N, C-alpha and C. Protein backbone atom coordinates (compact mmCIF):
# COMPACT_ATOMS: atom_id res chain seq x y z
N PRO A 1 189.61 100.21 199.42
CA PRO A 1 190.96 100.62 199.80
C PRO A 1 190.97 101.31 201.16
N ARG A 2 191.97 101.04 201.94
CA ARG A 2 192.08 101.62 203.27
C ARG A 2 192.41 103.11 203.18
N SER A 3 192.03 103.85 204.19
CA SER A 3 192.32 105.27 204.34
C SER A 3 191.65 106.14 203.28
N LYS A 4 190.55 105.69 202.77
CA LYS A 4 189.75 106.52 201.88
C LYS A 4 188.74 107.29 202.73
N GLU A 5 188.08 108.23 202.11
CA GLU A 5 187.08 109.03 202.81
C GLU A 5 186.02 108.14 203.45
N PHE A 6 185.67 108.47 204.69
CA PHE A 6 184.67 107.71 205.43
C PHE A 6 183.60 108.68 205.90
N LEU A 7 182.38 108.47 205.47
CA LEU A 7 181.27 109.36 205.84
C LEU A 7 180.43 108.66 206.89
N TYR A 8 180.07 109.41 207.93
CA TYR A 8 179.36 108.82 209.06
C TYR A 8 178.25 109.76 209.50
N GLY A 9 177.10 109.21 209.79
CA GLY A 9 176.02 109.99 210.39
C GLY A 9 175.27 110.91 209.44
N LEU A 10 175.32 110.63 208.15
CA LEU A 10 174.56 111.46 207.21
C LEU A 10 173.07 111.20 207.41
N THR A 11 172.28 112.27 207.37
CA THR A 11 170.84 112.12 207.60
C THR A 11 169.98 112.67 206.47
N GLN A 12 170.54 113.54 205.64
CA GLN A 12 169.78 114.16 204.56
C GLN A 12 169.93 113.35 203.28
N LEU A 13 168.82 112.93 202.70
CA LEU A 13 168.84 112.08 201.51
C LEU A 13 169.66 112.71 200.38
N ASN A 14 169.51 114.01 200.14
CA ASN A 14 170.26 114.66 199.06
C ASN A 14 171.76 114.58 199.31
N ASP A 15 172.20 114.74 200.55
CA ASP A 15 173.62 114.61 200.89
C ASP A 15 174.11 113.19 200.65
N ILE A 16 173.30 112.23 201.04
CA ILE A 16 173.68 110.82 200.87
C ILE A 16 173.83 110.49 199.39
N ILE A 17 172.83 110.83 198.59
CA ILE A 17 172.86 110.53 197.15
C ILE A 17 174.03 111.26 196.48
N GLY A 18 174.22 112.52 196.81
CA GLY A 18 175.32 113.29 196.21
C GLY A 18 176.68 112.68 196.52
N ASN A 19 176.88 112.27 197.75
CA ASN A 19 178.15 111.65 198.13
C ASN A 19 178.33 110.28 197.48
N LEU A 20 177.25 109.51 197.38
CA LEU A 20 177.34 108.21 196.71
C LEU A 20 177.75 108.38 195.25
N ARG A 21 177.15 109.32 194.56
CA ARG A 21 177.50 109.56 193.15
C ARG A 21 178.95 110.00 193.01
N ARG A 22 179.36 110.93 193.86
CA ARG A 22 180.73 111.45 193.81
C ARG A 22 181.75 110.34 194.04
N LEU A 23 181.53 109.52 195.06
CA LEU A 23 182.48 108.45 195.38
C LEU A 23 182.46 107.34 194.33
N ALA A 24 181.28 107.04 193.78
CA ALA A 24 181.18 106.01 192.75
C ALA A 24 181.95 106.42 191.50
N LYS A 25 181.94 107.72 191.17
CA LYS A 25 182.66 108.21 190.00
C LYS A 25 184.17 108.00 190.14
N SER A 26 184.65 107.92 191.37
CA SER A 26 186.08 107.71 191.58
C SER A 26 186.45 106.23 191.51
N GLY A 27 185.46 105.37 191.23
CA GLY A 27 185.73 103.95 191.04
C GLY A 27 185.61 103.09 192.29
N LEU A 28 185.12 103.66 193.36
CA LEU A 28 184.99 102.90 194.60
C LEU A 28 183.70 102.08 194.61
N PHE A 29 183.76 100.92 195.25
CA PHE A 29 182.54 100.18 195.58
C PHE A 29 182.04 100.77 196.89
N LEU A 30 180.74 100.91 197.04
CA LEU A 30 180.19 101.62 198.18
C LEU A 30 179.28 100.73 199.01
N ILE A 31 179.30 100.96 200.31
CA ILE A 31 178.42 100.27 201.24
C ILE A 31 177.70 101.33 202.06
N VAL A 32 176.40 101.22 202.15
CA VAL A 32 175.61 102.14 202.95
C VAL A 32 174.99 101.33 204.08
N ASN A 33 175.25 101.75 205.31
CA ASN A 33 174.75 101.03 206.49
C ASN A 33 173.96 101.96 207.38
N GLU A 34 173.26 101.36 208.33
CA GLU A 34 172.61 102.13 209.37
C GLU A 34 173.68 102.85 210.20
N THR A 35 173.31 103.96 210.81
CA THR A 35 174.24 104.67 211.68
C THR A 35 174.15 104.08 213.07
N ILE A 36 175.29 103.70 213.60
CA ILE A 36 175.39 103.18 214.96
C ILE A 36 176.02 104.26 215.82
N ASP A 37 175.44 104.53 216.97
CA ASP A 37 175.96 105.54 217.88
C ASP A 37 177.27 105.06 218.49
N VAL A 38 178.37 105.71 218.14
CA VAL A 38 179.66 105.33 218.70
C VAL A 38 179.98 106.11 219.97
N MET A 39 179.06 106.94 220.42
CA MET A 39 179.27 107.71 221.64
C MET A 39 178.38 107.19 222.76
N ASP A 40 178.23 105.86 222.81
CA ASP A 40 177.34 105.22 223.79
C ASP A 40 178.08 104.65 224.99
N GLY A 41 179.36 104.96 225.13
CA GLY A 41 180.15 104.42 226.23
C GLY A 41 181.00 103.25 225.83
N GLY A 42 180.86 102.78 224.59
CA GLY A 42 181.67 101.67 224.10
C GLY A 42 182.94 102.16 223.43
N VAL A 43 183.57 101.28 222.67
CA VAL A 43 184.82 101.62 221.97
C VAL A 43 184.77 101.09 220.55
N SER A 44 185.61 101.66 219.71
CA SER A 44 185.81 101.16 218.34
C SER A 44 187.29 100.99 218.13
N GLY A 45 187.65 100.11 217.18
CA GLY A 45 189.06 99.92 216.93
C GLY A 45 189.35 98.88 215.88
N VAL A 46 190.57 98.34 215.96
CA VAL A 46 191.08 97.39 214.97
C VAL A 46 191.84 96.27 215.67
N VAL A 47 191.65 95.05 215.19
CA VAL A 47 192.46 93.90 215.60
C VAL A 47 193.30 93.49 214.40
N GLN A 48 194.61 93.39 214.61
CA GLN A 48 195.50 92.92 213.55
C GLN A 48 196.80 92.44 214.15
N GLY A 49 197.26 91.29 213.70
CA GLY A 49 198.57 90.80 214.08
C GLY A 49 198.81 90.64 215.57
N GLY A 50 197.82 90.16 216.31
CA GLY A 50 198.00 89.95 217.74
C GLY A 50 197.90 91.20 218.58
N VAL A 51 197.45 92.30 217.98
CA VAL A 51 197.30 93.58 218.69
C VAL A 51 195.86 94.05 218.54
N ILE A 52 195.34 94.64 219.62
CA ILE A 52 194.03 95.27 219.56
C ILE A 52 194.22 96.74 219.93
N GLU A 53 193.68 97.62 219.11
CA GLU A 53 193.75 99.06 219.35
C GLU A 53 192.33 99.60 219.36
N PHE A 54 192.03 100.51 220.29
CA PHE A 54 190.66 101.00 220.41
C PHE A 54 190.63 102.32 221.17
N ALA A 55 189.49 103.01 221.00
CA ALA A 55 189.24 104.27 221.70
C ALA A 55 187.73 104.47 221.80
N PRO A 56 187.29 105.23 222.80
CA PRO A 56 185.86 105.54 222.91
C PRO A 56 185.46 106.69 221.98
N ASP A 57 184.15 106.81 221.76
CA ASP A 57 183.58 107.97 221.06
C ASP A 57 184.15 108.18 219.66
N ASP A 58 184.35 107.10 218.94
CA ASP A 58 184.95 107.23 217.61
C ASP A 58 184.60 106.00 216.78
N THR A 59 184.91 106.07 215.51
CA THR A 59 184.78 104.93 214.61
C THR A 59 186.10 104.16 214.61
N PRO A 60 186.17 103.02 213.92
CA PRO A 60 187.44 102.30 213.86
C PRO A 60 188.60 103.12 213.28
N CYS A 61 188.30 104.21 212.61
CA CYS A 61 189.36 105.09 212.10
C CYS A 61 190.17 105.71 213.23
N CYS A 62 189.73 105.53 214.47
CA CYS A 62 190.43 106.10 215.63
C CYS A 62 191.88 105.64 215.69
N VAL A 63 192.19 104.48 215.10
CA VAL A 63 193.55 103.96 215.19
C VAL A 63 194.55 104.82 214.43
N GLU A 64 194.06 105.72 213.60
CA GLU A 64 194.93 106.63 212.87
C GLU A 64 195.16 107.93 213.63
N LYS A 65 194.59 108.04 214.83
CA LYS A 65 194.68 109.26 215.63
C LYS A 65 195.52 108.99 216.88
N PRO A 66 196.08 110.05 217.46
CA PRO A 66 196.84 109.85 218.70
C PRO A 66 195.93 109.50 219.88
N GLY A 67 196.49 108.80 220.85
CA GLY A 67 195.77 108.52 222.09
C GLY A 67 194.98 107.23 222.09
N THR A 68 195.12 106.42 221.05
CA THR A 68 194.41 105.16 220.98
C THR A 68 195.08 104.13 221.88
N ALA A 69 194.29 103.38 222.66
CA ALA A 69 194.85 102.29 223.46
C ALA A 69 195.36 101.22 222.51
N SER A 70 196.55 100.72 222.75
CA SER A 70 197.18 99.71 221.90
C SER A 70 197.78 98.65 222.80
N LEU A 71 197.18 97.45 222.79
CA LEU A 71 197.55 96.40 223.73
C LEU A 71 197.69 95.06 223.02
N PRO A 72 198.48 94.14 223.61
CA PRO A 72 198.45 92.77 223.10
C PRO A 72 197.01 92.26 223.14
N PHE A 73 196.63 91.47 222.14
CA PHE A 73 195.24 91.06 222.00
C PHE A 73 194.66 90.45 223.28
N ALA A 74 195.34 89.49 223.88
CA ALA A 74 194.79 88.80 225.06
C ALA A 74 194.58 89.77 226.21
N LEU A 75 195.52 90.66 226.45
CA LEU A 75 195.39 91.65 227.53
C LEU A 75 194.23 92.59 227.24
N GLY A 76 194.14 93.09 226.01
CA GLY A 76 193.05 93.99 225.65
C GLY A 76 191.69 93.35 225.81
N MET A 77 191.58 92.09 225.44
CA MET A 77 190.30 91.38 225.58
C MET A 77 189.92 91.19 227.04
N ARG A 78 190.90 90.85 227.89
CA ARG A 78 190.59 90.71 229.33
C ARG A 78 190.14 92.05 229.91
N LEU A 79 190.79 93.12 229.51
CA LEU A 79 190.43 94.45 230.00
C LEU A 79 189.01 94.81 229.56
N LEU A 80 188.69 94.61 228.28
CA LEU A 80 187.35 94.94 227.78
C LEU A 80 186.29 94.08 228.43
N GLU A 81 186.58 92.80 228.66
CA GLU A 81 185.61 91.92 229.32
C GLU A 81 185.35 92.37 230.75
N THR A 82 186.39 92.79 231.45
CA THR A 82 186.22 93.27 232.82
C THR A 82 185.37 94.54 232.85
N VAL A 83 185.67 95.47 231.97
CA VAL A 83 184.98 96.77 231.97
C VAL A 83 183.53 96.62 231.51
N TYR A 84 183.27 95.84 230.47
CA TYR A 84 181.93 95.79 229.90
C TYR A 84 181.09 94.61 230.37
N GLY A 85 181.70 93.64 231.03
CA GLY A 85 180.93 92.53 231.59
C GLY A 85 180.57 91.44 230.60
N PHE A 86 181.13 91.47 229.41
CA PHE A 86 180.94 90.42 228.41
C PHE A 86 182.22 90.34 227.58
N ARG A 87 182.45 89.18 227.02
CA ARG A 87 183.64 89.01 226.17
C ARG A 87 183.28 89.43 224.75
N PRO A 88 183.97 90.46 224.21
CA PRO A 88 183.69 90.86 222.84
C PRO A 88 183.92 89.70 221.87
N ASP A 89 183.11 89.64 220.85
CA ASP A 89 183.18 88.56 219.86
C ASP A 89 184.25 88.89 218.82
N LEU A 90 185.50 88.85 219.26
CA LEU A 90 186.64 89.13 218.40
C LEU A 90 187.67 88.02 218.57
N HIS A 91 188.41 87.75 217.51
CA HIS A 91 189.41 86.69 217.55
C HIS A 91 190.66 87.17 216.83
N PRO A 92 191.84 86.80 217.34
CA PRO A 92 193.07 87.19 216.65
C PRO A 92 193.31 86.24 215.47
N ALA A 93 193.13 86.70 214.29
CA ALA A 93 193.32 85.86 213.11
C ALA A 93 194.56 86.31 212.36
N LYS A 94 195.38 85.36 211.98
CA LYS A 94 196.57 85.70 211.20
C LYS A 94 196.14 86.22 209.83
N GLU A 95 196.90 87.16 209.36
CA GLU A 95 196.67 87.74 208.03
C GLU A 95 195.25 88.28 207.86
N GLU A 96 194.73 88.89 208.93
CA GLU A 96 193.40 89.48 208.88
C GLU A 96 193.40 90.77 209.68
N ARG A 97 192.69 91.75 209.18
CA ARG A 97 192.50 93.02 209.87
C ARG A 97 191.01 93.19 210.08
N ILE A 98 190.60 93.40 211.34
CA ILE A 98 189.18 93.50 211.66
C ILE A 98 188.91 94.86 212.29
N GLU A 99 188.03 95.63 211.66
CA GLU A 99 187.56 96.89 212.23
C GLU A 99 186.27 96.58 212.99
N PHE A 100 186.16 97.08 214.21
CA PHE A 100 185.03 96.70 215.06
C PHE A 100 184.57 97.87 215.92
N SER A 101 183.40 97.68 216.52
CA SER A 101 182.96 98.53 217.63
C SER A 101 182.29 97.63 218.66
N ILE A 102 182.43 98.02 219.93
CA ILE A 102 181.86 97.28 221.05
C ILE A 102 180.90 98.23 221.76
N HIS A 103 179.70 97.73 222.06
CA HIS A 103 178.66 98.57 222.63
C HIS A 103 178.11 97.98 223.92
N PRO A 104 177.90 98.83 224.94
CA PRO A 104 177.34 98.34 226.21
C PRO A 104 175.97 97.70 226.04
N ARG A 105 175.18 98.23 225.12
CA ARG A 105 173.86 97.66 224.81
C ARG A 105 173.91 97.11 223.39
N ALA A 106 173.25 95.98 223.17
CA ALA A 106 173.25 95.35 221.85
C ALA A 106 172.78 96.34 220.79
N GLN A 107 173.42 96.30 219.62
CA GLN A 107 173.15 97.24 218.54
C GLN A 107 172.97 96.50 217.22
N GLY A 108 172.53 97.24 216.21
CA GLY A 108 172.47 96.73 214.86
C GLY A 108 171.33 95.75 214.64
N TRP A 109 171.17 95.35 213.40
CA TRP A 109 170.06 94.46 213.07
C TRP A 109 170.25 93.06 213.65
N MET A 110 171.48 92.70 214.02
CA MET A 110 171.70 91.38 214.65
C MET A 110 171.64 91.46 216.17
N ARG A 111 171.50 92.67 216.72
CA ARG A 111 171.37 92.87 218.17
C ARG A 111 172.53 92.22 218.93
N THR A 112 173.76 92.64 218.61
CA THR A 112 174.94 92.13 219.29
C THR A 112 175.72 93.28 219.91
N HIS A 113 176.60 92.94 220.85
CA HIS A 113 177.46 93.94 221.48
C HIS A 113 178.68 94.26 220.62
N THR A 114 179.08 93.33 219.78
CA THR A 114 180.27 93.50 218.94
C THR A 114 179.83 93.59 217.49
N LEU A 115 180.19 94.70 216.84
CA LEU A 115 179.87 94.88 215.43
C LEU A 115 181.17 94.89 214.63
N VAL A 116 181.22 94.14 213.56
CA VAL A 116 182.37 94.14 212.67
C VAL A 116 182.05 95.10 211.53
N TRP A 117 182.87 96.12 211.40
CA TRP A 117 182.67 97.12 210.35
C TRP A 117 183.30 96.66 209.05
N GLU A 118 184.47 96.03 209.18
CA GLU A 118 185.15 95.54 207.98
C GLU A 118 186.11 94.43 208.38
N ARG A 119 186.18 93.41 207.55
CA ARG A 119 187.14 92.32 207.74
C ARG A 119 187.96 92.24 206.46
N GLU A 120 189.25 92.48 206.60
CA GLU A 120 190.15 92.45 205.44
C GLU A 120 191.04 91.22 205.54
N ARG A 121 190.85 90.30 204.64
CA ARG A 121 191.68 89.09 204.62
C ARG A 121 192.95 89.38 203.83
N GLY A 122 194.01 88.69 204.19
CA GLY A 122 195.28 88.88 203.51
C GLY A 122 196.06 90.08 204.00
N ALA A 123 195.64 90.65 205.14
CA ALA A 123 196.35 91.80 205.71
C ALA A 123 197.68 91.32 206.28
N MET A 124 198.74 91.75 205.69
CA MET A 124 200.07 91.31 206.11
C MET A 124 200.71 92.38 207.00
N GLY A 125 201.85 92.05 207.49
CA GLY A 125 202.59 93.00 208.31
C GLY A 125 202.49 92.64 209.77
N THR A 126 203.49 93.08 210.49
CA THR A 126 203.50 92.82 211.92
C THR A 126 203.02 94.05 212.65
N ALA A 127 202.40 93.83 213.74
CA ALA A 127 201.93 94.93 214.58
C ALA A 127 202.51 94.72 215.97
N SER A 128 202.83 95.81 216.62
CA SER A 128 203.31 95.70 217.99
C SER A 128 202.52 96.68 218.85
N ALA A 129 202.14 96.20 220.02
CA ALA A 129 201.35 97.02 220.94
C ALA A 129 202.22 98.15 221.48
N LYS A 130 201.63 99.33 221.60
CA LYS A 130 202.37 100.48 222.09
C LYS A 130 202.30 100.62 223.61
N ASN A 131 201.26 100.04 224.23
CA ASN A 131 201.11 100.06 225.69
C ASN A 131 201.32 101.46 226.29
N SER A 132 200.79 102.48 225.66
CA SER A 132 200.97 103.84 226.17
C SER A 132 199.84 104.21 227.13
N TRP A 133 200.20 105.00 228.11
CA TRP A 133 199.25 105.41 229.13
C TRP A 133 199.68 106.78 229.62
N PRO A 134 198.84 107.76 229.71
CA PRO A 134 197.39 107.71 229.50
C PRO A 134 197.04 107.60 228.01
N ASN A 135 195.83 107.14 227.78
CA ASN A 135 195.28 107.06 226.44
C ASN A 135 193.80 107.42 226.53
N ARG A 136 193.14 107.47 225.40
CA ARG A 136 191.73 107.89 225.41
C ARG A 136 190.85 106.93 226.21
N PHE A 137 191.17 105.62 226.18
CA PHE A 137 190.38 104.67 226.95
C PHE A 137 190.64 104.81 228.44
N SER A 138 191.90 105.03 228.83
CA SER A 138 192.19 105.19 230.26
C SER A 138 191.48 106.43 230.81
N LYS A 139 191.40 107.46 230.00
CA LYS A 139 190.66 108.66 230.44
C LYS A 139 189.16 108.38 230.51
N HIS A 140 188.68 107.51 229.64
CA HIS A 140 187.26 107.14 229.58
C HIS A 140 186.82 106.42 230.86
N ILE A 141 187.64 105.50 231.35
CA ILE A 141 187.27 104.73 232.55
C ILE A 141 187.92 105.30 233.81
N GLY A 142 188.85 106.23 233.65
CA GLY A 142 189.60 106.80 234.76
C GLY A 142 191.03 106.27 234.73
N ASP A 143 191.99 107.17 234.72
CA ASP A 143 193.40 106.76 234.63
C ASP A 143 193.82 105.86 235.79
N ARG A 144 193.35 106.17 236.98
CA ARG A 144 193.70 105.35 238.14
C ARG A 144 193.12 103.94 238.00
N ALA A 145 191.85 103.85 237.58
CA ALA A 145 191.22 102.54 237.38
C ALA A 145 191.98 101.75 236.32
N PHE A 146 192.38 102.41 235.25
CA PHE A 146 193.13 101.75 234.18
C PHE A 146 194.44 101.19 234.71
N GLY A 147 195.16 102.00 235.48
CA GLY A 147 196.42 101.56 236.05
C GLY A 147 196.25 100.36 236.98
N LEU A 148 195.22 100.41 237.81
CA LEU A 148 194.95 99.28 238.71
C LEU A 148 194.56 98.03 237.93
N LEU A 149 193.79 98.20 236.85
CA LEU A 149 193.44 97.05 236.00
C LEU A 149 194.69 96.40 235.41
N MET A 150 195.63 97.22 234.95
CA MET A 150 196.87 96.69 234.38
C MET A 150 197.67 95.95 235.45
N ALA A 151 197.74 96.55 236.64
CA ALA A 151 198.47 95.90 237.75
C ALA A 151 197.81 94.57 238.12
N ASP A 152 196.49 94.55 238.18
CA ASP A 152 195.76 93.32 238.50
C ASP A 152 196.04 92.25 237.45
N ASP A 153 196.05 92.64 236.19
CA ASP A 153 196.32 91.68 235.12
C ASP A 153 197.73 91.11 235.22
N LEU A 154 198.67 91.90 235.71
CA LEU A 154 200.05 91.42 235.88
C LEU A 154 200.20 90.53 237.11
N GLY A 155 199.12 90.40 237.89
CA GLY A 155 199.17 89.55 239.08
C GLY A 155 199.63 90.26 240.33
N LEU A 156 199.74 91.57 240.27
CA LEU A 156 200.12 92.33 241.46
C LEU A 156 198.95 92.35 242.44
N PRO A 157 199.23 92.52 243.73
CA PRO A 157 198.15 92.47 244.73
C PRO A 157 197.29 93.74 244.72
N VAL A 158 196.25 93.71 243.94
CA VAL A 158 195.32 94.84 243.85
C VAL A 158 194.09 94.48 244.67
N PRO A 159 193.74 95.31 245.67
CA PRO A 159 192.55 95.00 246.47
C PRO A 159 191.29 95.11 245.62
N ARG A 160 190.24 94.42 246.06
CA ARG A 160 188.95 94.45 245.36
C ARG A 160 188.56 95.90 245.13
N THR A 161 188.30 96.24 243.89
CA THR A 161 188.01 97.61 243.50
C THR A 161 186.71 97.63 242.71
N VAL A 162 185.82 98.54 243.07
CA VAL A 162 184.60 98.76 242.30
C VAL A 162 184.72 100.14 241.66
N VAL A 163 184.61 100.18 240.35
CA VAL A 163 184.71 101.44 239.62
C VAL A 163 183.31 101.89 239.24
N ILE A 164 182.99 103.10 239.64
CA ILE A 164 181.71 103.70 239.26
C ILE A 164 182.05 104.91 238.40
N GLY A 165 182.02 104.69 237.09
CA GLY A 165 182.43 105.72 236.16
C GLY A 165 181.26 106.56 235.69
N ARG A 166 181.59 107.59 234.97
CA ARG A 166 180.55 108.49 234.44
C ARG A 166 179.88 107.91 233.20
N ARG A 167 180.65 107.12 232.40
CA ARG A 167 180.12 106.70 231.10
C ARG A 167 180.09 105.21 230.88
N VAL A 168 180.49 104.44 231.88
CA VAL A 168 180.40 102.98 231.79
C VAL A 168 179.68 102.46 233.02
N ALA A 169 179.05 101.31 232.89
CA ALA A 169 178.37 100.70 234.04
C ALA A 169 179.42 100.32 235.08
N PRO A 170 179.05 100.28 236.36
CA PRO A 170 180.01 99.88 237.39
C PRO A 170 180.61 98.51 237.08
N PHE A 171 181.91 98.38 237.36
CA PHE A 171 182.60 97.11 237.18
C PHE A 171 183.60 96.94 238.31
N SER A 172 184.02 95.70 238.52
CA SER A 172 184.95 95.43 239.63
C SER A 172 186.04 94.47 239.21
N PHE A 173 187.13 94.49 239.97
CA PHE A 173 188.28 93.61 239.74
C PHE A 173 189.11 93.60 241.01
N GLY A 174 190.16 92.82 241.03
CA GLY A 174 191.05 92.74 242.19
C GLY A 174 190.67 91.58 243.10
N ARG A 175 191.38 91.51 244.24
CA ARG A 175 191.19 90.39 245.18
C ARG A 175 190.63 90.89 246.50
N GLU A 176 189.80 90.06 247.11
CA GLU A 176 189.28 90.36 248.44
C GLU A 176 190.45 90.41 249.42
N THR A 177 190.41 91.35 250.35
CA THR A 177 191.51 91.48 251.32
C THR A 177 191.20 90.79 252.63
N GLY A 178 189.95 90.40 252.83
CA GLY A 178 189.58 89.73 254.07
C GLY A 178 189.26 90.69 255.20
N SER A 179 189.27 91.96 254.92
CA SER A 179 188.93 92.92 255.98
C SER A 179 187.67 93.69 255.66
């Protein structure tokens, strides 16, 4: 069930066993996974109904918090591909909700940049992108860089720009000016 307690980063065996027993008594099915560092410069979020929402330094539960980037799927994917230098392995599927994280360096036992935390089939409802700015992702890459990326995506004349951020590898976008 969605919006149930989510435990992350447990390291002590007694804590893990105690929490598993407690949650199992409430009738939940449980999954125990390796801990993936979500503070590695990547983002986590949710894809549903043609919308992608994400934020840095968090789990996919970030979509329940303020400040999450919320964009039409195609725009969000172009932005993430520009910033990270690879196309995340995500697809807009009807009636599906996908919780994910994207990592600058391959992670997990499959050694991929895109990890799917949960795929819920039969997820109904419409979603609409909020397109709010500033957001946690715009602050992550720099609000000015985010604004220029949006302008470039709209086809506005943005000069070639190289972004050297504190927490992401350098990336570039825009058009050569000839000077």
